[in-house]
Amino acid sequence: MNYFDKEVDARGLNCPLPILRAKKMLATMEGGQVVRVIATDPGSVKDFAAFAKQTGNELIHQGQVEGEAEAFEFFLRRKA
């Protein structure tokens, strides 16, 4: 997945900061835009799935950052 409109680098931040940063960024975006969030907190994997479900934003992809064993990436599409 390479397409995104904005990016949040939350490396080194623990829960709930990656979610809060993503939420703040999504609030500045238009419906349908995509934000990429990079996080190193292993708990963020389940946190972003729950966040998407609760807020109605779509988690379109999640996985490890290529070349970074400790980093995860999440692509969220802002709800319309």
PDB file of N, CA and C in Angstrom:
ATOM      1  N   MET A   1       0.862  -1.181   0.000  1.00  0.00           N
ATOM      2  CA  MET A   1       0.000   0.000   0.000  1.00  0.00           C
ATOM      3  C   MET A   1       0.897   1.230   0.000  1.00  0.00           C
ATOM      4  N   ASN A   2       0.791   2.036  -0.995  1.00  0.00           N
ATOM      5  CA  ASN A   2       1.652   3.207  -1.098  1.00  0.00           C
ATOM      6  C   ASN A   2       0.901   4.524  -1.099  1.00  0.00           C
ATOM      7  N   TYR A   3      -0.390   4.479  -1.347  1.00  0.00           N
ATOM      8  CA  TYR A   3      -1.125   5.741  -1.472  1.00  0.00           C
ATOM      9  C   TYR A   3      -1.654   6.213  -0.118  1.00  0.00           C
ATOM     10  N   PHE A   4      -1.337   7.442   0.232  1.00  0.00           N
ATOM     11  CA  PHE A   4      -1.932   8.074   1.403  1.00  0.00           C
ATOM     12  C   PHE A   4      -1.813   9.580   1.252  1.00  0.00           C
ATOM     13  N   ASP A   5      -2.708  10.298   1.936  1.00  0.00           N
ATOM     14  CA  ASP A   5      -2.739  11.753   1.844  1.00  0.00           C
ATOM     15  C   ASP A   5      -1.874  12.419   2.911  1.00  0.00           C
ATOM     16  N   LYS A   6      -1.880  11.853   4.112  1.00  0.00           N
ATOM     17  CA  LYS A   6      -1.110  12.403   5.222  1.00  0.00           C
ATOM     18  C   LYS A   6      -0.487  11.264   6.009  1.00  0.00           C
ATOM     19  N   GLU A   7       0.512  11.613   6.827  1.00  0.00           N
ATOM     20  CA  GLU A   7       1.212  10.580   7.591  1.00  0.00           C
ATOM     21  C   GLU A   7       1.422  11.053   9.022  1.00  0.00           C
ATOM     22  N   VAL A   8       1.307  10.103   9.959  1.00  0.00           N
ATOM     23  CA  VAL A   8       1.585  10.348  11.366  1.00  0.00           C
ATOM     24  C   VAL A   8       2.687   9.385  11.781  1.00  0.00           C
ATOM     25  N   ASP A   9       3.804   9.926  12.256  1.00  0.00           N
ATOM     26  CA  ASP A   9       4.901   9.087  12.740  1.00  0.00           C
ATOM     27  C   ASP A   9       4.809   9.035  14.259  1.00  0.00           C
ATOM     28  N   ALA A  10       4.350   7.900  14.776  1.00  0.00           N
ATOM     29  CA  ALA A  10       4.171   7.727  16.220  1.00  0.00           C
ATOM     30  C   ALA A  10       5.180   6.719  16.776  1.00  0.00           C
ATOM     31  N   ARG A  11       6.322   6.578  16.117  1.00  0.00           N
ATOM     32  CA  ARG A  11       7.356   5.670  16.615  1.00  0.00           C
ATOM     33  C   ARG A  11       7.788   6.112  18.014  1.00  0.00           C
ATOM     34  N   GLY A  12       7.951   5.132  18.908  1.00  0.00           N
ATOM     35  CA  GLY A  12       8.422   5.414  20.254  1.00  0.00           C
ATOM     36  C   GLY A  12       7.331   5.863  21.215  1.00  0.00           C
ATOM     37  N   LEU A  13       6.118   6.053  20.728  1.00  0.00           N
ATOM     38  CA  LEU A  13       5.012   6.461  21.592  1.00  0.00           C
ATOM     39  C   LEU A  13       4.192   5.248  22.004  1.00  0.00           C
ATOM     40  N   ASN A  14       3.769   5.235  23.256  1.00  0.00           N
ATOM     41  CA  ASN A  14       2.954   4.132  23.755  1.00  0.00           C
ATOM     42  C   ASN A  14       1.483   4.522  23.792  1.00  0.00           C
ATOM     43  N   CYS A  15       0.641   3.508  23.852  1.00  0.00           N
ATOM     44  CA  CYS A  15      -0.799   3.681  23.931  1.00  0.00           C
ATOM     45  C   CYS A  15      -1.125   4.652  25.066  1.00  0.00           C
ATOM     46  N   PRO A  16      -2.017   5.571  24.860  1.00  0.00           N
ATOM     47  CA  PRO A  16      -2.906   5.766  23.706  1.00  0.00           C
ATOM     48  C   PRO A  16      -2.411   6.817  22.717  1.00  0.00           C
ATOM     49  N   LEU A  17      -1.164   7.255  22.820  1.00  0.00           N
ATOM     50  CA  LEU A  17      -0.692   8.360  21.981  1.00  0.00           C
ATOM     51  C   LEU A  17      -0.780   8.112  20.471  1.00  0.00           C
ATOM     52  N   PRO A  18      -0.429   6.919  19.943  1.00  0.00           N
ATOM     53  CA  PRO A  18      -0.587   6.733  18.485  1.00  0.00           C
ATOM     54  C   PRO A  18      -2.035   6.926  18.025  1.00  0.00           C
ATOM     55  N   ILE A  19      -2.983   6.432  18.804  1.00  0.00           N
ATOM     56  CA  ILE A  19      -4.404   6.593  18.468  1.00  0.00           C
ATOM     57  C   ILE A  19      -4.800   8.064  18.530  1.00  0.00           C
ATOM     58  N   LEU A  20      -4.364   8.753  19.581  1.00  0.00           N
ATOM     59  CA  LEU A  20      -4.718  10.168  19.728  1.00  0.00           C
ATOM     60  C   LEU A  20      -4.148  11.011  18.595  1.00  0.00           C
ATOM     61  N   ARG A  21      -2.927  10.713  18.188  1.00  0.00           N
ATOM     62  CA  ARG A  21      -2.321  11.454  17.062  1.00  0.00           C
ATOM     63  C   ARG A  21      -3.091  11.183  15.770  1.00  0.00           C
ATOM     64  N   ALA A  22      -3.477   9.915  15.572  1.00  0.00           N
ATOM     65  CA  ALA A  22      -4.250   9.565  14.371  1.00  0.00           C
ATOM     66  C   ALA A  22      -5.606  10.261  14.384  1.00  0.00           C
ATOM     67  N   LYS A  23      -6.256  10.273  15.534  1.00  0.00           N
ATOM     68  CA  LYS A  23      -7.566  10.908  15.662  1.00  0.00           C
ATOM     69  C   LYS A  23      -7.479  12.406  15.350  1.00  0.00           C
ATOM     70  N   LYS A  24      -6.435  13.045  15.864  1.00  0.00           N
ATOM     71  CA  LYS A  24      -6.229  14.474  15.630  1.00  0.00           C
ATOM     72  C   LYS A  24      -6.011  14.752  14.134  1.00  0.00           C
ATOM     73  N   MET A  25      -5.219  13.908  13.482  1.00  0.00           N
ATOM     74  CA  MET A  25      -4.963  14.080  12.050  1.00  0.00           C
ATOM     75  C   MET A  25      -6.235  13.845  11.243  1.00  0.00           C
ATOM     76  N   LEU A  26      -6.983  12.795  11.560  1.00  0.00           N
ATOM     77  CA  LEU A  26      -8.213  12.497  10.827  1.00  0.00           C
ATOM     78  C   LEU A  26      -9.201  13.660  10.909  1.00  0.00           C
ATOM     79  N   ALA A  27      -9.205  14.365  12.033  1.00  0.00           N
ATOM     80  CA  ALA A  27     -10.121  15.493  12.200  1.00  0.00           C
ATOM     81  C   ALA A  27      -9.825  16.636  11.229  1.00  0.00           C
ATOM     82  N   THR A  28      -8.606  16.680  10.697  1.00  0.00           N
ATOM     83  CA  THR A  28      -8.224  17.742   9.759  1.00  0.00           C
ATOM     84  C   THR A  28      -8.438  17.329   8.304  1.00  0.00           C
ATOM     85  N   MET A  29      -8.854  16.089   8.097  1.00  0.00           N
ATOM     86  CA  MET A  29      -8.928  15.537   6.743  1.00  0.00           C
ATOM     87  C   MET A  29     -10.366  15.495   6.231  1.00  0.00           C
ATOM     88  N   GLU A  30     -10.504  15.375   4.921  1.00  0.00           N
ATOM     89  CA  GLU A  30     -11.810  15.253   4.292  1.00  0.00           C
ATOM     90  C   GLU A  30     -12.185  13.787   4.165  1.00  0.00           C
ATOM     91  N   GLY A  31     -13.488  13.516   4.053  1.00  0.00           N
ATOM     92  CA  GLY A  31     -13.972  12.160   3.878  1.00  0.00           C
ATOM     93  C   GLY A  31     -13.324  11.478   2.687  1.00  0.00           C
ATOM     94  N   GLY A  32     -12.899  10.234   2.865  1.00  0.00           N
ATOM     95  CA  GLY A  32     -12.277   9.470   1.798  1.00  0.00           C
ATOM     96  C   GLY A  32     -10.766   9.583   1.748  1.00  0.00           C
ATOM     97  N   GLN A  33     -10.192  10.576   2.436  1.00  0.00           N
ATOM     98  CA  GLN A  33      -8.734  10.688   2.450  1.00  0.00           C
ATOM     99  C   GLN A  33      -8.138   9.607   3.343  1.00  0.00           C
ATOM    100  N   VAL A  34      -6.869   9.282   3.085  1.00  0.00           N
ATOM    101  CA  VAL A  34      -6.184   8.198   3.787  1.00  0.00           C
ATOM    102  C   VAL A  34      -5.003   8.746   4.579  1.00  0.00           C
ATOM    103  N   VAL A  35      -4.897   8.292   5.827  1.00  0.00           N
ATOM    104  CA  VAL A  35      -3.741   8.625   6.663  1.00  0.00           C
ATOM    105  C   VAL A  35      -2.950   7.352   6.926  1.00  0.00           C
ATOM    106  N   ARG A  36      -1.639   7.468   6.847  1.00  0.00           N
ATOM    107  CA  ARG A  36      -0.737   6.365   7.199  1.00  0.00           C
ATOM    108  C   ARG A  36      -0.166   6.680   8.580  1.00  0.00           C
ATOM    109  N   VAL A  37      -0.297   5.727   9.494  1.00  0.00           N
ATOM    110  CA  VAL A  37       0.244   5.881  10.838  1.00  0.00           C
ATOM    111  C   VAL A  37       1.334   4.835  11.023  1.00  0.00           C
ATOM    112  N   ILE A  38       2.500   5.270  11.501  1.00  0.00           N
ATOM    113  CA  ILE A  38       3.590   4.353  11.820  1.00  0.00           C
ATOM    114  C   ILE A  38       3.740   4.342  13.334  1.00  0.00           C
ATOM    115  N   ALA A  39       3.741   3.153  13.921  1.00  0.00           N
ATOM    116  CA  ALA A  39       3.848   3.017  15.370  1.00  0.00           C
ATOM    117  C   ALA A  39       4.750   1.837  15.713  1.00  0.00           C
ATOM    118  N   THR A  40       5.374   1.920  16.880  1.00  0.00           N
ATOM    119  CA  THR A  40       6.241   0.831  17.342  1.00  0.00           C
ATOM    120  C   THR A  40       5.652   0.098  18.540  1.00  0.00           C
ATOM    121  N   ASP A  41       4.555   0.577  19.092  1.00  0.00           N
ATOM    122  CA  ASP A  41       3.902  -0.076  20.224  1.00  0.00           C
ATOM    123  C   ASP A  41       3.180  -1.321  19.723  1.00  0.00           C
ATOM    124  N   PRO A  42       3.589  -2.527  20.184  1.00  0.00           N
ATOM    125  CA  PRO A  42       2.930  -3.755  19.713  1.00  0.00           C
ATOM    126  C   PRO A  42       1.429  -3.768  19.983  1.00  0.00           C
ATOM    127  N   GLY A  43       0.993  -3.083  21.027  1.00  0.00           N
ATOM    128  CA  GLY A  43      -0.431  -3.019  21.342  1.00  0.00           C
ATOM    129  C   GLY A  43      -1.235  -2.235  20.335  1.00  0.00           C
ATOM    130  N   SER A  44      -0.547  -1.459  19.502  1.00  0.00           N
ATOM    131  CA  SER A  44      -1.263  -0.634  18.527  1.00  0.00           C
ATOM    132  C   SER A  44      -2.001  -1.469  17.486  1.00  0.00           C
ATOM    133  N   VAL A  45      -1.557  -2.704  17.273  1.00  0.00           N
ATOM    134  CA  VAL A  45      -2.217  -3.555  16.274  1.00  0.00           C
ATOM    135  C   VAL A  45      -3.685  -3.758  16.637  1.00  0.00           C
ATOM    136  N   LYS A  46      -3.960  -4.158  17.868  1.00  0.00           N
ATOM    137  CA  LYS A  46      -5.365  -4.340  18.265  1.00  0.00           C
ATOM    138  C   LYS A  46      -6.048  -2.992  18.515  1.00  0.00           C
ATOM    139  N   ASP A  47      -5.281  -1.996  18.963  1.00  0.00           N
ATOM    140  CA  ASP A  47      -5.856  -0.680  19.236  1.00  0.00           C
ATOM    141  C   ASP A  47      -6.428  -0.045  17.973  1.00  0.00           C
ATOM    142  N   PHE A  48      -5.704  -0.121  16.857  1.00  0.00           N
ATOM    143  CA  PHE A  48      -6.195   0.518  15.629  1.00  0.00           C
ATOM    144  C   PHE A  48      -7.405  -0.199  15.054  1.00  0.00           C
ATOM    145  N   ALA A  49      -7.463  -1.512  15.211  1.00  0.00           N
ATOM    146  CA  ALA A  49      -8.649  -2.249  14.754  1.00  0.00           C
ATOM    147  C   ALA A  49      -9.874  -1.808  15.556  1.00  0.00           C
ATOM    148  N   ALA A  50      -9.718  -1.679  16.864  1.00  0.00           N
ATOM    149  CA  ALA A  50     -10.828  -1.250  17.720  1.00  0.00           C
ATOM    150  C   ALA A  50     -11.200   0.207  17.432  1.00  0.00           C
ATOM    151  N   PHE A  51     -10.197   1.055  17.227  1.00  0.00           N
ATOM    152  CA  PHE A  51     -10.432   2.466  16.932  1.00  0.00           C
ATOM    153  C   PHE A  51     -11.259   2.622  15.657  1.00  0.00           C
ATOM    154  N   ALA A  52     -10.878   1.891  14.624  1.00  0.00           N
ATOM    155  CA  ALA A  52     -11.598   1.977  13.349  1.00  0.00           C
ATOM    156  C   ALA A  52     -13.056   1.542  13.528  1.00  0.00           C
ATOM    157  N   LYS A  53     -13.250   0.460  14.254  1.00  0.00           N
ATOM    158  CA  LYS A  53     -14.603  -0.056  14.470  1.00  0.00           C
ATOM    159  C   LYS A  53     -15.450   0.954  15.250  1.00  0.00           C
ATOM    160  N   GLN A  54     -14.874   1.560  16.264  1.00  0.00           N
ATOM    161  CA  GLN A  54     -15.614   2.498  17.109  1.00  0.00           C
ATOM    162  C   GLN A  54     -15.929   3.813  16.401  1.00  0.00           C
ATOM    163  N   THR A  55     -15.035   4.275  15.531  1.00  0.00           N
ATOM    164  CA  THR A  55     -15.201   5.591  14.923  1.00  0.00           C
ATOM    165  C   THR A  55     -15.848   5.563  13.544  1.00  0.00           C
ATOM    166  N   GLY A  56     -15.902   4.403  12.921  1.00  0.00           N
ATOM    167  CA  GLY A  56     -16.476   4.309  11.585  1.00  0.00           C
ATOM    168  C   GLY A  56     -15.490   4.614  10.473  1.00  0.00           C
ATOM    169  N   ASN A  57     -14.241   4.910  10.838  1.00  0.00           N
ATOM    170  CA  ASN A  57     -13.195   5.067   9.826  1.00  0.00           C
ATOM    171  C   ASN A  57     -12.745   3.680   9.398  1.00  0.00           C
ATOM    172  N   GLU A  58     -12.336   3.527   8.158  1.00  0.00           N
ATOM    173  CA  GLU A  58     -11.995   2.211   7.623  1.00  0.00           C
ATOM    174  C   GLU A  58     -10.497   1.939   7.748  1.00  0.00           C
ATOM    175  N   LEU A  59     -10.167   0.829   8.406  1.00  0.00           N
ATOM    176  CA  LEU A  59      -8.784   0.362   8.465  1.00  0.00           C
ATOM    177  C   LEU A  59      -8.562  -0.446   7.194  1.00  0.00           C
ATOM    178  N   ILE A  60      -7.896   0.150   6.209  1.00  0.00           N
ATOM    179  CA  ILE A  60      -7.779  -0.498   4.902  1.00  0.00           C
ATOM    180  C   ILE A  60      -6.544  -1.378   4.786  1.00  0.00           C
ATOM    181  N   HIS A  61      -5.581  -1.173   5.667  1.00  0.00           N
ATOM    182  CA  HIS A  61      -4.389  -2.033   5.656  1.00  0.00           C
ATOM    183  C   HIS A  61      -3.634  -1.863   6.969  1.00  0.00           C
ATOM    184  N   GLN A  62      -3.061  -2.962   7.435  1.00  0.00           N
ATOM    185  CA  GLN A  62      -2.125  -2.886   8.553  1.00  0.00           C
ATOM    186  C   GLN A  62      -1.073  -3.949   8.343  1.00  0.00           C
ATOM    187  N   GLY A  63       0.139  -3.671   8.792  1.00  0.00           N
ATOM    188  CA  GLY A  63       1.226  -4.628   8.643  1.00  0.00           C
ATOM    189  C   GLY A  63       2.521  -4.029   9.157  1.00  0.00           C
ATOM    190  N   GLN A  64       3.591  -4.779   8.956  1.00  0.00           N
ATOM    191  CA  GLN A  64       4.900  -4.292   9.390  1.00  0.00           C
ATOM    192  C   GLN A  64       5.471  -3.347   8.344  1.00  0.00           C
ATOM    193  N   VAL A  65       6.210  -2.353   8.811  1.00  0.00           N
ATOM    194  CA  VAL A  65       6.887  -1.434   7.904  1.00  0.00           C
ATOM    195  C   VAL A  65       8.044  -2.188   7.276  1.00  0.00           C
ATOM    196  N   GLU A  66       8.131  -2.148   5.974  1.00  0.00           N
ATOM    197  CA  GLU A  66       9.190  -2.862   5.258  1.00  0.00           C
ATOM    198  C   GLU A  66      10.560  -2.384   5.735  1.00  0.00           C
ATOM    199  N   GLY A  67      11.395  -3.324   6.153  1.00  0.00           N
ATOM    200  CA  GLY A  67      12.742  -3.004   6.600  1.00  0.00           C
ATOM    201  C   GLY A  67      12.846  -2.588   8.061  1.00  0.00           C
ATOM    202  N   GLU A  68      11.709  -2.531   8.751  1.00  0.00           N
ATOM    203  CA  GLU A  68      11.711  -2.160  10.170  1.00  0.00           C
ATOM    204  C   GLU A  68      10.931  -3.207  10.954  1.00  0.00           C
ATOM    205  N   ALA A  69      11.655  -4.135  11.567  1.00  0.00           N
ATOM    206  CA  ALA A  69      11.026  -5.251  12.260  1.00  0.00           C
ATOM    207  C   ALA A  69      10.132  -4.818  13.425  1.00  0.00           C
ATOM    208  N   GLU A  70      10.444  -3.691  14.028  1.00  0.00           N
ATOM    209  CA  GLU A  70       9.704  -3.250  15.214  1.00  0.00           C
ATOM    210  C   GLU A  70       8.617  -2.222  14.911  1.00  0.00           C
ATOM    211  N   ALA A  71       8.412  -1.880  13.650  1.00  0.00           N
ATOM    212  CA  ALA A  71       7.447  -0.830  13.311  1.00  0.00           C
ATOM    213  C   ALA A  71       6.254  -1.400  12.542  1.00  0.00           C
ATOM    214  N   PHE A  72       5.092  -0.864  12.862  1.00  0.00           N
ATOM    215  CA  PHE A  72       3.849  -1.265  12.209  1.00  0.00           C
ATOM    216  C   PHE A  72       3.273  -0.063  11.486  1.00  0.00           C
ATOM    217  N   GLU A  73       2.550  -0.342  10.386  1.00  0.00           N
ATOM    218  CA  GLU A  73       1.884   0.742   9.661  1.00  0.00           C
ATOM    219  C   GLU A  73       0.407   0.436   9.544  1.00  0.00           C
ATOM    220  N   PHE A  74      -0.366   1.499   9.616  1.00  0.00           N
ATOM    221  CA  PHE A  74      -1.815   1.411   9.548  1.00  0.00           C
ATOM    222  C   PHE A  74      -2.305   2.462   8.562  1.00  0.00           C
ATOM    223  N   PHE A  75      -3.195   2.056   7.679  1.00  0.00           N
ATOM    224  CA  PHE A  75      -3.787   2.982   6.720  1.00  0.00           C
ATOM    225  C   PHE A  75      -5.265   3.090   7.044  1.00  0.00           C
ATOM    226  N   LEU A  76      -5.693   4.284   7.407  1.00  0.00           N
ATOM    227  CA  LEU A  76      -7.079   4.541   7.758  1.00  0.00           C
ATOM    228  C   LEU A  76      -7.706   5.490   6.756  1.00  0.00           C
ATOM    229  N   ARG A  77      -8.901   5.133   6.266  1.00  0.00           N
ATOM    230  CA  ARG A  77      -9.641   6.016   5.375  1.00  0.00           C
ATOM    231  C   ARG A  77     -10.699   6.738   6.187  1.00  0.00           C
ATOM    232  N   ARG A  78     -10.679   8.062   6.100  1.00  0.00           N
ATOM    233  CA  ARG A  78     -11.627   8.872   6.865  1.00  0.00           C
ATOM    234  C   ARG A  78     -13.018   8.630   6.366  1.00  0.00           C
ATOM    235  N   LYS A  79     -13.926   8.470   7.323  1.00  0.00           N
ATOM    236  CA  LYS A  79     -15.331   8.256   6.938  1.00  0.00           C
ATOM    237  C   LYS A  79     -15.882   9.486   6.243  1.00  0.00           C
ATOM    238  N   ALA A  80     -16.838   9.260   5.377  1.00  0.00           N
ATOM    239  CA  ALA A  80     -17.428  10.371   4.584  1.00  0.00           C
ATOM    240  C   ALA A  80     -18.208  11.326   5.466  1.00  0.00           C
TER     241      ALA A  80
END
